[in-house]
N, C-alpha and C. Protein backbone atom coordinates (compact mmCIF):
# COMPACT_ATOMS: atom_id res chain seq x y z
N MET A 1 -2.70 -1.10 -0.80
CA MET A 1 -3.75 -0.13 -0.84
C MET A 1 -4.35 0.23 0.47
N THR A 2 -4.58 1.43 0.73
CA THR A 2 -5.11 1.92 2.02
C THR A 2 -6.55 2.18 1.77
N THR A 3 -7.31 1.71 2.71
CA THR A 3 -8.87 1.96 2.64
C THR A 3 -9.35 2.52 3.94
N ILE A 4 -10.06 3.45 4.04
CA ILE A 4 -10.75 3.89 5.20
C ILE A 4 -12.19 3.31 5.17
N VAL A 5 -12.52 2.68 6.40
CA VAL A 5 -13.70 1.97 6.46
C VAL A 5 -14.73 2.66 7.55
N LEU A 6 -15.92 2.99 7.26
CA LEU A 6 -16.82 3.36 8.23
C LEU A 6 -17.98 2.35 8.43
N THR A 7 -18.05 1.74 9.56
CA THR A 7 -19.06 0.82 9.82
C THR A 7 -20.31 1.48 10.72
N HIS A 8 -21.45 1.24 10.31
CA HIS A 8 -22.58 1.70 11.06
C HIS A 8 -22.91 0.72 12.16
N PRO A 9 -23.60 1.30 13.20
CA PRO A 9 -23.77 0.46 14.46
C PRO A 9 -24.59 -0.78 14.13
N ASN A 10 -24.29 -1.83 14.79
CA ASN A 10 -24.96 -3.19 14.51
C ASN A 10 -25.18 -3.88 15.86
N GLU A 11 -25.71 -5.20 15.85
CA GLU A 11 -25.88 -5.93 17.02
C GLU A 11 -24.52 -6.14 17.65
N HIS A 12 -23.49 -6.18 17.10
CA HIS A 12 -22.27 -6.51 17.76
C HIS A 12 -21.45 -5.26 18.28
N CYS A 13 -21.84 -4.06 17.72
CA CYS A 13 -21.31 -2.86 18.20
C CYS A 13 -22.32 -1.64 18.13
N PRO A 14 -22.69 -1.07 19.24
CA PRO A 14 -23.68 0.07 19.09
C PRO A 14 -23.23 1.30 18.69
N ARG A 15 -22.07 1.37 18.34
CA ARG A 15 -21.49 2.77 17.93
C ARG A 15 -20.85 2.71 16.53
N PHE A 16 -20.69 3.83 15.92
CA PHE A 16 -20.01 3.94 14.62
C PHE A 16 -18.53 3.69 14.85
N GLN A 17 -17.92 2.88 13.99
CA GLN A 17 -16.55 2.73 13.91
C GLN A 17 -15.86 3.15 12.67
N VAL A 18 -14.71 3.76 12.77
CA VAL A 18 -13.96 4.20 11.55
C VAL A 18 -12.51 3.65 11.81
N PHE A 19 -12.05 2.97 10.72
CA PHE A 19 -10.70 2.51 10.86
C PHE A 19 -10.01 2.52 9.52
N GLY A 20 -8.64 2.46 9.54
CA GLY A 20 -7.92 2.30 8.21
C GLY A 20 -7.40 0.86 8.13
N GLU A 21 -7.55 0.34 6.96
CA GLU A 21 -6.77 -0.98 6.67
C GLU A 21 -5.95 -0.93 5.52
N TYR A 22 -4.82 -1.45 5.67
CA TYR A 22 -3.70 -1.66 4.67
C TYR A 22 -3.75 -3.06 4.12
N VAL A 23 -3.84 -3.13 2.76
CA VAL A 23 -3.94 -4.50 2.26
C VAL A 23 -2.92 -4.52 0.99
N THR A 24 -2.09 -5.61 0.95
CA THR A 24 -1.24 -5.93 -0.21
C THR A 24 -1.41 -7.47 -0.34
N PRO A 25 -0.87 -8.01 -1.50
CA PRO A 25 -0.93 -9.53 -1.61
C PRO A 25 -0.40 -10.33 -0.48
N ASN A 26 0.50 -9.82 0.24
CA ASN A 26 1.24 -10.46 1.39
C ASN A 26 0.97 -9.91 2.77
N GLU A 27 0.15 -8.68 2.84
CA GLU A 27 -0.07 -8.24 4.14
C GLU A 27 -1.54 -7.74 4.41
N TYR A 28 -1.93 -7.67 5.61
CA TYR A 28 -3.20 -7.11 5.90
C TYR A 28 -3.08 -6.62 7.34
N TYR A 29 -3.44 -5.37 7.71
CA TYR A 29 -3.42 -4.89 8.98
C TYR A 29 -4.42 -3.71 9.08
N VAL A 30 -4.97 -3.47 10.44
CA VAL A 30 -5.79 -2.50 10.59
C VAL A 30 -5.21 -1.36 11.49
N PHE A 31 -5.30 -0.17 11.24
CA PHE A 31 -4.70 0.88 12.05
C PHE A 31 -5.70 2.01 12.30
N ASP A 32 -5.42 2.74 13.30
CA ASP A 32 -6.16 4.04 13.69
C ASP A 32 -7.68 3.84 13.77
N VAL A 33 -7.99 3.09 14.78
CA VAL A 33 -9.42 2.82 15.06
C VAL A 33 -9.97 3.92 15.88
N ALA A 34 -11.29 4.22 15.58
CA ALA A 34 -11.97 5.20 16.34
C ALA A 34 -13.41 4.70 16.50
N GLU A 35 -14.03 4.94 17.63
CA GLU A 35 -15.49 4.66 17.75
C GLU A 35 -16.09 5.98 18.08
N VAL A 36 -17.32 6.40 17.58
CA VAL A 36 -17.99 7.48 17.84
C VAL A 36 -19.43 7.21 17.97
N SER A 37 -20.14 8.05 18.60
CA SER A 37 -21.67 7.85 18.83
C SER A 37 -22.58 8.38 17.81
N SER A 38 -22.15 9.42 17.00
CA SER A 38 -22.89 10.10 16.10
C SER A 38 -22.56 9.86 14.65
N ARG A 39 -23.40 9.84 13.64
CA ARG A 39 -23.02 9.67 12.14
C ARG A 39 -22.11 10.88 11.75
N ASP A 40 -22.54 12.12 12.15
CA ASP A 40 -21.74 13.34 11.85
C ASP A 40 -20.30 13.12 12.22
N ASP A 41 -20.00 12.76 13.43
CA ASP A 41 -18.70 12.57 13.90
C ASP A 41 -17.93 11.60 13.13
N ALA A 42 -18.70 10.41 12.83
CA ALA A 42 -18.02 9.39 12.12
C ALA A 42 -17.59 9.85 10.69
N GLU A 43 -18.39 10.56 10.00
CA GLU A 43 -18.17 11.19 8.73
C GLU A 43 -16.92 12.25 8.81
N GLN A 44 -16.91 12.97 9.87
CA GLN A 44 -15.78 13.73 9.93
C GLN A 44 -14.54 13.14 10.17
N VAL A 45 -14.45 11.98 11.14
CA VAL A 45 -13.30 11.18 11.36
C VAL A 45 -12.74 10.61 10.25
N ALA A 46 -13.80 9.97 9.33
CA ALA A 46 -13.49 9.37 8.00
C ALA A 46 -12.79 10.31 7.10
N ARG A 47 -13.29 11.48 6.95
CA ARG A 47 -12.64 12.46 6.03
C ARG A 47 -11.22 12.75 6.41
N HIS A 48 -11.18 12.99 7.76
CA HIS A 48 -9.73 13.37 8.30
C HIS A 48 -8.79 12.28 8.03
N MET A 49 -9.16 10.89 8.12
CA MET A 49 -8.35 9.80 8.00
C MET A 49 -7.96 9.73 6.50
N MET A 50 -8.96 9.90 5.67
CA MET A 50 -8.64 9.84 4.27
C MET A 50 -7.56 10.81 3.79
N GLU A 51 -7.61 12.08 4.34
CA GLU A 51 -6.63 13.11 4.03
C GLU A 51 -5.24 12.72 4.83
N THR A 52 -5.27 12.39 6.01
CA THR A 52 -4.11 12.06 6.69
C THR A 52 -3.27 11.00 6.13
N TYR A 53 -3.90 9.79 5.78
CA TYR A 53 -3.22 8.63 5.24
C TYR A 53 -3.16 8.55 3.72
N GLU A 54 -3.77 9.64 3.05
CA GLU A 54 -3.85 9.67 1.56
C GLU A 54 -4.42 8.29 1.15
N ALA A 55 -5.55 7.92 1.66
CA ALA A 55 -6.16 6.66 1.26
C ALA A 55 -6.56 6.49 -0.15
N ASP A 56 -6.51 5.33 -0.61
CA ASP A 56 -6.90 5.00 -1.98
C ASP A 56 -8.41 4.80 -2.11
N HIS A 57 -9.01 4.23 -1.11
CA HIS A 57 -10.49 3.85 -1.24
C HIS A 57 -11.18 4.33 0.17
N PHE A 58 -12.47 4.42 0.04
CA PHE A 58 -13.39 4.51 1.16
C PHE A 58 -14.43 3.48 1.02
N ARG A 59 -14.90 2.79 2.12
CA ARG A 59 -15.72 1.81 2.17
C ARG A 59 -16.75 2.13 3.34
N ARG A 60 -18.05 1.79 3.10
CA ARG A 60 -18.98 1.97 4.18
C ARG A 60 -19.72 0.68 4.32
N VAL A 61 -19.79 0.30 5.60
CA VAL A 61 -20.45 -0.97 6.03
C VAL A 61 -21.77 -0.80 6.56
N ILE A 62 -22.83 -1.20 6.03
CA ILE A 62 -24.21 -1.00 6.49
C ILE A 62 -24.93 -2.36 6.69
N GLU A 63 -25.57 -2.72 7.67
CA GLU A 63 -26.30 -3.87 8.00
C GLU A 63 -27.47 -4.01 6.94
N VAL A 64 -27.82 -5.18 6.30
CA VAL A 64 -28.92 -5.21 5.56
C VAL A 64 -30.16 -4.86 6.22
N GLY A 65 -30.97 -4.03 5.53
CA GLY A 65 -32.26 -3.67 6.21
C GLY A 65 -32.19 -2.35 7.14
N GLU A 66 -30.88 -1.83 7.27
CA GLU A 66 -30.69 -0.66 8.15
C GLU A 66 -31.21 0.68 7.46
N ARG A 67 -31.84 1.51 8.07
CA ARG A 67 -32.23 2.74 7.53
C ARG A 67 -31.22 3.71 7.52
N ILE A 68 -31.01 4.40 6.39
CA ILE A 68 -29.84 5.31 6.32
C ILE A 68 -30.53 6.69 6.33
N GLY A 69 -29.83 7.63 7.18
CA GLY A 69 -30.50 9.00 7.28
C GLY A 69 -31.18 9.30 8.57
């Protein structure tokens, strides 16, 4: 299964990150990692990766207590 993940900035990384992950019962690997500074750019990169890799899922990672918007 291919999933595109968009992580919001946190104490470990001050920028948005977008990456693809491929998971099967026997394999796990991350591919095509991008770091961007704005939310709009991150959303655009994620959409492009979804189409390019024909991803099955999209996941967004947000820190607890983070304001969205």
